[in-house]
Amino acid sequence: MTHSENRIYYGYWIVVAGFVTQFVAVGMANYVVGSFMIPMTEEFGWSRAEFSASRSIGQIVMASTGFIIGSYIDRYGGRPFIILGSLILSTAIYSLGSINTLTQWLVLNGFILTMGAAMIGNLVINVTLGKWFVEKRGRTVAVAGMGISLAGVILPPIATWMVDVYGWRSSWEMLGIGAAGFTLPMAILIRRSPEDYSMYPDGKTAEDIASGGGVAAQVDFDRSMTRAEAMRTSAFYFLVLAFGLFQISITTMLVQTIPLMSDAGYSRLVASSMISVASIPAFLSKPFWGMLIDQYSPKKLAGLGAAITGFAVMAIVFSVSRQIDYLIFGSFLIMGIGWGGLLPLQEVIWASFFGRRYLGSVRSTAMPFTFGMSAIGPILVAYYYDTVGDYNLALLAIAICNIASAIMLFRIGDDPRAQKSEPITEVDSSILG
């Protein structure tokens, strides 16, 4: 298979596949769960902390799954993981309609569902895109990531409507069938790297490469850091901490927004629509973040996104407690703009700091740390609610985490590969499992 100037560069088909799989993976793992909280906790008598524990467990499972498969994505590509992950995810979602105990909920939603989502979601797609694109990495990761935001726009109100009309059991079963129907066909489109098919990153032709047009991609490849090398840099740990603090707000607000708004006297439909309100600007802003990433400092842009998110969460706490409708609406819109930058900025920063050759290995090594931090947010906030009876101080603490993330991202050092002058000539055995 060779590249032709008269054909669409194959990497763009991977963008399409990534859009769809991330829509389903993140949508099923995060965006729909809030719609089920009140009916399920009321039926079974669970506390909100017990219900939310599934998502905290899920963050750890997501990270652990990524750590295990990361190096194999470098070696075998993402297709086998998307096939297996789709089957696991859809089966787990469907099975949630038959549960009767808290243990079943935690195992199916926290462990099995999340394991499947991890195999079709961010890591597999963004590592693959990181290999197919270098100069256009920011834009393509952002466009594929729009699937996540679109899930936030349409899934919470749809899931809430389904639960209210058909009941929570039938709703889980219908969502499981839909997940399989969307994701399994996307596996056909996934390819490991352009070099496997006599192509070049960013759609460059052989003539482009001969005239020096592929220098950026070659330098990125040659100066890539192995897992061991990356872990010896301070930048690795600063990025882990900064993005972990950033993600806490997302994992928490996705689970707690509906109960937060419902407790303040708003209907479930209005409450679920706030996730959509945040997701619309997250969706629309992603291409703009992507274009900015390819032109300006991704570190400073990420810091800006974290700061925007932190101040928006503070405004949400203030406005919901006082039922200031226009400010609630505006605060969720602004929070969505901050959210929109997280995915493309994070993935581009990791790839630009450590290179694309071992990206799956390096990226997956960071995931247990980052996701472990974000896992504590939902359950601690829910525990605070169960103890105190409101969310206010807990959510303010989440906002402060975002501000701290912004400060770290503004102050983090330069590309750690600047001191790596020699190209790598041997593959680090650690990435081969």
Protein backbone atom coordinates (compact mmCIF):
# COMPACT_ATOMS: atom_id res chain seq x y z
CA MET A 1 0.00 0.00 0.00
CA THR A 2 1.58 3.25 -1.10
CA HIS A 3 0.66 6.84 -0.69
CA SER A 4 -0.81 8.68 -3.63
CA GLU A 5 -1.23 12.41 -3.94
CA ASN A 6 -4.68 11.78 -5.45
CA ARG A 7 -5.95 9.95 -2.39
CA ILE A 8 -6.95 11.19 1.04
CA TYR A 9 -4.11 10.68 3.48
CA TYR A 10 -5.00 7.58 5.47
CA GLY A 11 -4.27 9.24 8.79
CA TYR A 12 -7.50 11.20 8.45
CA TRP A 13 -9.52 7.98 8.53
CA ILE A 14 -7.91 7.26 11.87
CA VAL A 15 -9.11 10.67 13.03
CA VAL A 16 -12.65 9.59 12.09
CA ALA A 17 -12.30 6.29 13.95
CA GLY A 18 -10.89 8.12 16.96
CA PHE A 19 -13.81 10.54 16.99
CA VAL A 20 -16.32 7.67 17.16
CA THR A 21 -14.50 5.41 19.61
CA GLN A 22 -13.77 8.25 22.03
CA PHE A 23 -17.41 9.36 21.81
CA VAL A 24 -18.46 5.92 23.01
CA ALA A 25 -15.60 5.18 25.42
CA VAL A 26 -15.72 8.39 27.42
CA GLY A 27 -19.45 8.80 26.96
CA MET A 28 -20.27 5.40 28.43
CA ALA A 29 -17.65 5.59 31.19
CA ASN A 30 -18.30 9.16 32.34
CA TYR A 31 -21.08 11.15 30.70
CA VAL A 32 -24.08 8.88 31.26
CA VAL A 33 -23.40 7.73 34.81
CA GLY A 34 -24.81 10.83 36.49
CA SER A 35 -28.21 10.15 34.91
CA PHE A 36 -28.42 6.87 36.80
CA MET A 37 -27.23 8.05 40.23
CA ILE A 38 -30.49 9.14 41.87
CA PRO A 39 -32.77 6.32 40.60
CA MET A 40 -30.24 3.61 41.40
CA THR A 41 -29.25 4.93 44.84
CA GLU A 42 -32.90 5.40 45.77
CA GLU A 43 -33.84 1.87 44.67
CA PHE A 44 -30.95 0.13 46.39
CA GLY A 45 -30.42 2.48 49.33
CA TRP A 46 -26.78 3.17 48.44
CA SER A 47 -25.01 6.35 49.49
CA ARG A 48 -23.73 8.65 46.78
CA ALA A 49 -20.18 7.87 47.82
CA GLU A 50 -20.82 4.16 47.27
CA PHE A 51 -22.29 4.85 43.84
CA SER A 52 -19.45 7.25 42.91
CA ALA A 53 -16.83 4.72 44.02
CA SER A 54 -17.34 2.93 40.70
CA ARG A 55 -15.89 5.92 38.85
CA SER A 56 -12.99 6.27 41.25
CA ILE A 57 -12.26 2.58 40.79
CA GLY A 58 -12.67 3.17 37.07
CA GLN A 59 -9.94 5.81 36.99
CA ILE A 60 -7.51 3.34 38.53
CA VAL A 61 -8.60 0.58 36.16
CA MET A 62 -8.25 2.96 33.20
CA ALA A 63 -4.70 3.76 34.23
CA SER A 64 -3.76 0.16 34.95
CA THR A 65 -5.18 -1.06 31.65
CA GLY A 66 -3.31 1.67 29.81
CA PHE A 67 -0.08 0.79 31.58
CA ILE A 68 -0.42 -2.86 30.52
CA ILE A 69 -1.30 -2.26 26.87
CA GLY A 70 0.77 0.87 26.21
CA SER A 71 3.93 -0.80 24.99
CA TYR A 72 1.92 -3.29 22.93
CA ILE A 73 0.22 -0.43 21.09
CA ASP A 74 3.71 0.64 19.98
CA ARG A 75 4.36 -2.91 18.78
CA TYR A 76 1.05 -4.17 17.37
CA GLY A 77 -1.07 -1.07 16.84
CA GLY A 78 -4.50 -0.32 18.25
CA ARG A 79 -6.82 -2.55 16.18
CA PRO A 80 -6.77 -5.69 18.36
CA PHE A 81 -7.40 -3.61 21.46
CA ILE A 82 -10.37 -1.81 19.90
CA ILE A 83 -11.97 -5.12 18.88
CA LEU A 84 -11.52 -6.68 22.32
CA GLY A 85 -12.36 -3.46 24.15
CA SER A 86 -15.58 -2.98 22.20
CA LEU A 87 -16.80 -6.47 23.12
CA ILE A 88 -15.89 -6.04 26.80
CA LEU A 89 -17.40 -2.54 27.03
CA SER A 90 -20.71 -3.34 25.36
CA THR A 91 -21.18 -6.58 27.32
CA ALA A 92 -20.54 -4.80 30.62
CA ILE A 93 -22.94 -1.95 29.82
CA TYR A 94 -25.70 -4.38 28.81
CA SER A 95 -25.14 -6.46 31.96
CA LEU A 96 -25.63 -3.41 34.21
CA GLY A 97 -29.34 -3.72 33.49
CA SER A 98 -29.45 -6.94 35.52
CA ILE A 99 -27.53 -6.00 38.68
CA ASN A 100 -28.98 -6.19 42.18
CA THR A 101 -26.05 -5.56 44.52
CA LEU A 102 -23.42 -2.88 45.13
CA THR A 103 -20.66 -5.41 44.47
CA GLN A 104 -22.07 -6.15 41.03
CA TRP A 105 -22.24 -2.41 40.30
CA LEU A 106 -18.64 -1.79 41.36
CA VAL A 107 -17.30 -4.79 39.44
CA LEU A 108 -19.23 -4.19 36.22
CA ASN A 109 -19.11 -0.40 36.08
CA GLY A 110 -15.84 0.19 37.91
CA PHE A 111 -13.74 -2.66 36.55
CA ILE A 112 -15.08 -4.37 33.44
CA LEU A 113 -16.77 -1.45 31.68
CA THR A 114 -13.77 0.79 32.27
CA MET A 115 -11.33 -1.86 31.07
CA GLY A 116 -13.20 -2.01 27.78
CA ALA A 117 -13.37 1.78 27.52
CA ALA A 118 -9.62 2.03 28.08
CA MET A 119 -8.97 -0.27 25.13
CA ILE A 120 -10.93 1.88 22.67
CA GLY A 121 -10.39 5.34 24.11
CA ASN A 122 -7.84 8.10 24.56
CA LEU A 123 -4.59 6.16 24.88
CA VAL A 124 -5.01 3.90 21.86
CA ILE A 125 -6.28 6.68 19.61
CA ASN A 126 -3.91 9.44 20.65
CA VAL A 127 -0.81 7.24 20.59
CA THR A 128 -1.80 6.15 17.09
CA LEU A 129 -2.45 9.73 15.96
CA GLY A 130 0.87 10.76 17.51
CA LYS A 131 2.59 8.39 15.10
CA TRP A 132 0.62 9.47 12.01
CA PHE A 133 0.93 13.22 12.61
CA VAL A 134 3.73 15.48 13.84
CA GLU A 135 3.30 18.93 12.30
CA LYS A 136 -0.50 18.57 12.38
CA ARG A 137 -0.63 16.71 15.66
CA GLY A 138 -2.47 19.39 17.61
CA ARG A 139 -5.25 19.81 15.08
CA THR A 140 -5.86 16.12 14.46
CA VAL A 141 -5.86 15.12 18.13
CA ALA A 142 -8.26 17.99 18.79
CA VAL A 143 -10.66 16.96 16.01
CA ALA A 144 -10.67 13.32 17.13
CA GLY A 145 -11.21 14.51 20.69
CA MET A 146 -14.32 16.38 19.60
CA GLY A 147 -16.05 13.01 19.86
CA ILE A 148 -15.61 13.19 23.64
CA SER A 149 -17.23 16.61 23.84
CA LEU A 150 -20.04 15.61 21.50
CA ALA A 151 -20.78 12.74 23.87
CA GLY A 152 -21.12 15.31 26.63
CA VAL A 153 -23.48 17.40 24.52
CA ILE A 154 -25.98 14.70 23.63
CA LEU A 155 -25.58 11.71 25.96
CA PRO A 156 -26.53 13.16 29.40
CA PRO A 157 -29.98 14.44 28.31
CA ILE A 158 -30.58 11.34 26.18
CA ALA A 159 -29.58 9.01 29.01
CA THR A 160 -31.71 10.98 31.48
CA TRP A 161 -34.69 10.82 29.13
CA MET A 162 -34.18 7.08 28.60
CA VAL A 163 -34.03 6.42 32.34
CA ASP A 164 -37.14 8.48 32.99
CA VAL A 165 -39.11 6.83 30.17
CA TYR A 166 -37.83 3.24 30.03
CA GLY A 167 -36.29 2.79 33.49
CA TRP A 168 -32.64 2.46 34.36
CA ARG A 169 -32.39 -1.28 33.64
CA SER A 170 -33.64 -1.13 30.05
CA SER A 171 -31.58 2.00 29.47
CA TRP A 172 -28.32 0.23 30.32
CA GLU A 173 -29.24 -2.61 27.96
CA MET A 174 -30.02 -0.26 25.06
CA LEU A 175 -26.78 1.66 25.62
CA GLY A 176 -24.81 -1.59 25.55
CA ILE A 177 -26.23 -2.58 22.17
CA GLY A 178 -25.53 0.88 20.79
CA ALA A 179 -21.93 0.86 22.03
CA ALA A 180 -21.12 -2.33 20.12
CA GLY A 181 -22.78 -1.09 16.95
CA PHE A 182 -20.73 2.10 16.86
CA THR A 183 -17.28 0.89 17.90
CA LEU A 184 -16.67 -2.52 16.30
CA PRO A 185 -16.67 -1.16 12.72
CA MET A 186 -14.10 1.48 13.67
CA ALA A 187 -11.46 -1.17 14.38
CA ILE A 188 -11.21 -1.77 10.63
CA LEU A 189 -9.83 1.74 10.11
CA ILE A 190 -7.01 1.61 12.67
CA ARG A 191 -3.39 1.20 11.47
CA ARG A 192 -0.25 1.20 13.62
CA SER A 193 1.99 3.75 11.85
CA PRO A 194 2.41 5.32 8.39
CA GLU A 195 5.83 3.71 7.89
CA ASP A 196 4.16 0.27 7.92
CA TYR A 197 2.37 1.25 4.69
CA SER A 198 5.16 3.14 2.94
CA MET A 199 3.70 6.46 4.00
CA TYR A 200 5.08 9.41 5.93
CA PRO A 201 3.63 11.41 8.85
CA ASP A 202 1.34 14.36 8.04
CA GLY A 203 0.65 13.04 4.53
CA LYS A 204 4.07 13.96 3.19
CA THR A 205 5.01 12.50 -0.19
CA ALA A 206 8.36 10.97 -1.11
CA GLU A 207 9.10 14.20 -2.98
CA ASP A 208 8.34 16.23 0.16
CA ILE A 209 10.73 14.09 2.16
CA ALA A 210 13.44 14.32 -0.48
CA SER A 211 13.21 18.10 -0.42
CA GLY A 212 13.50 18.24 3.36
CA GLY A 213 9.80 18.47 4.16
CA GLY A 214 9.85 15.66 6.70
CA VAL A 215 12.62 17.00 8.93
CA ALA A 216 10.33 17.68 11.90
CA ALA A 217 8.93 14.15 11.86
CA GLN A 218 12.38 12.59 11.52
CA VAL A 219 13.82 14.65 14.36
CA ASP A 220 10.81 13.80 16.51
CA PHE A 221 11.38 10.10 15.82
CA ASP A 222 15.17 10.08 16.23
CA ARG A 223 15.15 11.99 19.51
CA SER A 224 12.30 10.03 21.07
CA MET A 225 12.82 9.03 24.69
CA THR A 226 12.32 5.52 25.96
CA ARG A 227 10.23 4.83 29.03
CA ALA A 228 13.31 4.64 31.22
CA GLU A 229 14.79 7.87 29.84
CA ALA A 230 11.52 9.78 30.26
CA MET A 231 11.18 8.68 33.87
CA ARG A 232 14.62 10.11 34.64
CA THR A 233 13.46 13.63 33.74
CA SER A 234 11.76 16.02 36.14
CA ALA A 235 9.41 17.09 33.34
CA PHE A 236 7.77 13.64 33.40
CA TYR A 237 6.67 14.04 37.02
CA PHE A 238 5.66 17.68 36.68
CA LEU A 239 3.38 16.74 33.78
CA VAL A 240 1.91 13.83 35.74
CA LEU A 241 1.09 16.07 38.70
CA ALA A 242 -0.18 19.00 36.65
CA PHE A 243 -2.51 16.97 34.44
CA GLY A 244 -3.67 14.88 37.39
CA LEU A 245 -4.76 18.04 39.19
CA PHE A 246 -6.44 19.30 36.01
CA GLN A 247 -8.42 16.10 35.43
CA ILE A 248 -9.85 16.02 38.96
CA SER A 249 -12.40 18.69 38.05
CA ILE A 250 -13.62 16.78 35.00
CA THR A 251 -14.08 13.41 36.68
CA THR A 252 -15.82 15.07 39.62
CA MET A 253 -18.17 17.39 37.74
CA LEU A 254 -19.28 14.71 35.31
CA VAL A 255 -20.53 12.56 38.20
CA GLN A 256 -21.73 15.24 40.64
CA THR A 257 -23.32 17.94 38.45
CA ILE A 258 -26.75 16.28 38.17
CA PRO A 259 -27.10 15.63 41.93
CA LEU A 260 -25.61 19.09 42.69
CA MET A 261 -28.22 20.81 40.55
CA SER A 262 -31.06 18.51 41.64
CA ASP A 263 -30.33 19.24 45.31
CA ALA A 264 -30.54 22.97 44.53
CA GLY A 265 -34.09 22.50 43.25
CA TYR A 266 -33.53 22.15 39.51
CA SER A 267 -35.19 19.35 37.51
CA ARG A 268 -33.19 16.32 36.43
CA LEU A 269 -33.50 17.38 32.80
CA VAL A 270 -32.16 20.87 33.52
CA ALA A 271 -29.41 19.39 35.70
CA SER A 272 -28.30 16.93 33.01
CA SER A 273 -28.40 19.69 30.40
CA MET A 274 -25.64 21.54 32.29
CA ILE A 275 -23.19 18.83 31.21
CA SER A 276 -24.33 19.51 27.67
CA VAL A 277 -23.91 23.25 28.21
CA ALA A 278 -20.30 22.63 29.23
CA SER A 279 -19.72 20.15 26.43
CA ILE A 280 -20.87 22.42 23.60
CA PRO A 281 -18.01 24.92 24.03
CA ALA A 282 -15.65 22.02 24.77
CA PHE A 283 -16.70 20.58 21.40
CA LEU A 284 -16.56 23.83 19.46
CA SER A 285 -13.32 25.08 21.02
CA LYS A 286 -11.26 21.96 20.34
CA PRO A 287 -10.33 22.87 16.74
CA PHE A 288 -9.29 26.34 17.90
CA TRP A 289 -7.19 24.88 20.71
CA GLY A 290 -5.68 22.54 18.11
CA MET A 291 -4.71 25.39 15.80
CA LEU A 292 -3.26 27.39 18.69
CA ILE A 293 -1.25 24.36 19.86
CA ASP A 294 0.51 24.09 16.51
CA GLN A 295 1.49 27.80 16.66
CA TYR A 296 2.08 28.70 20.31
CA SER A 297 3.48 27.18 23.50
CA PRO A 298 1.32 24.16 24.46
CA LYS A 299 2.52 24.49 28.08
CA LYS A 300 1.17 28.01 28.49
CA LEU A 301 -2.04 27.14 26.66
CA ALA A 302 -2.56 24.18 29.02
CA GLY A 303 -1.99 26.46 31.99
CA LEU A 304 -4.59 28.85 30.62
CA GLY A 305 -7.09 26.01 30.18
CA ALA A 306 -6.54 24.81 33.75
CA ALA A 307 -7.00 28.32 35.14
CA ILE A 308 -10.19 28.89 33.16
CA THR A 309 -11.60 25.61 34.48
CA GLY A 310 -10.69 26.38 38.09
CA PHE A 311 -12.32 29.81 38.14
CA ALA A 312 -15.40 28.42 36.36
CA VAL A 313 -15.88 25.73 39.04
CA MET A 314 -15.71 28.44 41.72
CA ALA A 315 -18.37 30.40 39.85
CA ILE A 316 -20.56 27.29 39.58
CA VAL A 317 -20.44 26.73 43.35
CA PHE A 318 -21.35 30.37 43.99
CA SER A 319 -24.15 30.59 41.43
CA VAL A 320 -25.80 27.22 42.16
CA SER A 321 -25.93 27.90 45.89
CA ARG A 322 -27.70 31.20 45.15
CA GLN A 323 -29.70 29.91 42.15
CA ILE A 324 -28.44 32.66 39.84
CA ASP A 325 -29.53 31.04 36.58
CA TYR A 326 -27.67 33.20 34.07
CA LEU A 327 -24.42 32.85 36.02
CA ILE A 328 -24.85 29.09 36.28
CA PHE A 329 -25.28 28.88 32.52
CA GLY A 330 -22.31 31.14 31.84
CA SER A 331 -20.06 29.31 34.30
CA PHE A 332 -20.72 25.93 32.69
CA LEU A 333 -20.03 27.45 29.27
CA ILE A 334 -16.68 28.83 30.47
CA MET A 335 -15.77 25.55 32.17
CA GLY A 336 -16.38 23.81 28.85
CA ILE A 337 -13.86 26.06 27.11
CA GLY A 338 -11.25 25.00 29.66
CA TRP A 339 -12.18 21.35 29.26
CA GLY A 340 -11.91 21.65 25.48
CA GLY A 341 -8.19 22.30 25.67
CA LEU A 342 -7.24 19.51 28.07
CA LEU A 343 -7.20 16.52 25.74
CA PRO A 344 -5.38 17.98 22.72
CA LEU A 345 -2.97 19.97 24.91
CA GLN A 346 -2.12 17.02 27.11
CA GLU A 347 -1.52 14.61 24.25
CA VAL A 348 0.54 17.08 22.21
CA ILE A 349 2.67 18.03 25.20
CA TRP A 350 3.47 14.41 26.00
CA ALA A 351 4.31 13.67 22.36
CA SER A 352 6.35 16.83 21.86
CA PHE A 353 8.28 16.34 25.11
CA PHE A 354 9.16 12.67 24.62
CA GLY A 355 8.69 11.86 20.89
CA ARG A 356 6.50 9.44 18.97
CA ARG A 357 8.64 6.32 18.69
CA TYR A 358 7.94 5.07 22.23
CA LEU A 359 4.87 7.21 22.88
CA GLY A 360 2.61 4.34 23.92
CA SER A 361 5.11 3.15 26.48
CA VAL A 362 5.85 6.59 27.92
CA ARG A 363 2.25 7.79 27.91
CA SER A 364 0.92 4.65 29.56
CA THR A 365 3.56 4.83 32.28
CA ALA A 366 2.24 8.24 33.31
CA MET A 367 -1.38 7.11 33.39
CA PRO A 368 -1.41 5.27 36.75
CA PHE A 369 -0.12 8.41 38.46
CA THR A 370 -2.40 10.88 36.66
CA PHE A 371 -5.55 8.79 36.79
CA GLY A 372 -4.85 7.73 40.35
CA MET A 373 -4.98 11.36 41.38
CA SER A 374 -8.14 12.13 39.45
CA ALA A 375 -9.77 8.98 40.84
CA ILE A 376 -9.92 10.40 44.36
CA GLY A 377 -11.96 13.45 43.33
CA PRO A 378 -15.45 11.97 42.81
CA ILE A 379 -15.42 9.72 45.85
CA LEU A 380 -14.00 12.36 48.23
CA VAL A 381 -16.53 14.92 47.04
CA ALA A 382 -19.36 12.38 47.44
CA TYR A 383 -18.06 11.43 50.91
CA TYR A 384 -18.00 15.11 51.86
CA TYR A 385 -21.61 15.41 50.71
CA ASP A 386 -22.68 12.32 52.69
CA THR A 387 -20.99 13.79 55.79
CA VAL A 388 -21.85 17.49 55.53
CA GLY A 389 -24.89 17.57 53.26
CA ASP A 390 -23.64 19.89 50.52
CA TYR A 391 -20.89 20.08 47.89
CA ASN A 392 -19.60 23.62 48.32
CA LEU A 393 -16.23 23.37 50.09
CA ALA A 394 -15.37 20.11 48.35
CA LEU A 395 -15.89 21.64 44.91
CA LEU A 396 -13.92 24.74 45.89
CA ALA A 397 -11.03 22.42 46.76
CA ILE A 398 -11.35 20.89 43.29
CA ALA A 399 -11.18 24.39 41.78
CA ILE A 400 -7.99 25.11 43.71
CA CYS A 401 -6.46 21.93 42.25
CA ASN A 402 -7.00 23.42 38.81
CA ILE A 403 -5.36 26.69 39.77
CA ALA A 404 -2.37 24.77 41.12
CA SER A 405 -2.21 22.85 37.83
CA ALA A 406 -2.19 26.12 35.90
CA ILE A 407 0.74 27.47 37.93
CA MET A 408 2.75 24.29 37.38
CA LEU A 409 2.11 24.23 33.64
CA PHE A 410 3.19 27.86 33.27
CA ARG A 411 6.42 27.18 35.15
CA ILE A 412 7.43 23.76 33.78
CA GLY A 413 10.80 23.62 32.01
CA ASP A 414 11.63 23.25 28.32
CA ASP A 415 11.55 20.16 26.13
CA PRO A 416 13.65 17.53 27.99
CA ARG A 417 14.88 16.21 24.63
CA ALA A 418 16.87 19.40 24.04
CA GLN A 419 19.84 17.71 25.66
CA LYS A 420 19.35 14.45 23.73
CA SER A 421 21.53 14.96 20.70
CA GLU A 422 22.13 11.37 19.60
CA PRO A 423 19.40 9.42 17.79
CA ILE A 424 18.29 6.16 19.34
CA THR A 425 19.71 3.14 17.57
CA GLU A 426 18.27 0.34 19.69
CA VAL A 427 14.76 -0.32 20.84
CA ASP A 428 14.32 -0.28 24.59
CA SER A 429 13.33 -3.83 25.53
CA SER A 430 10.95 -2.50 28.17
CA ILE A 431 8.51 -1.29 25.49
CA LEU A 432 8.22 -4.75 24.01
CA GLY A 433 6.57 -6.10 27.10
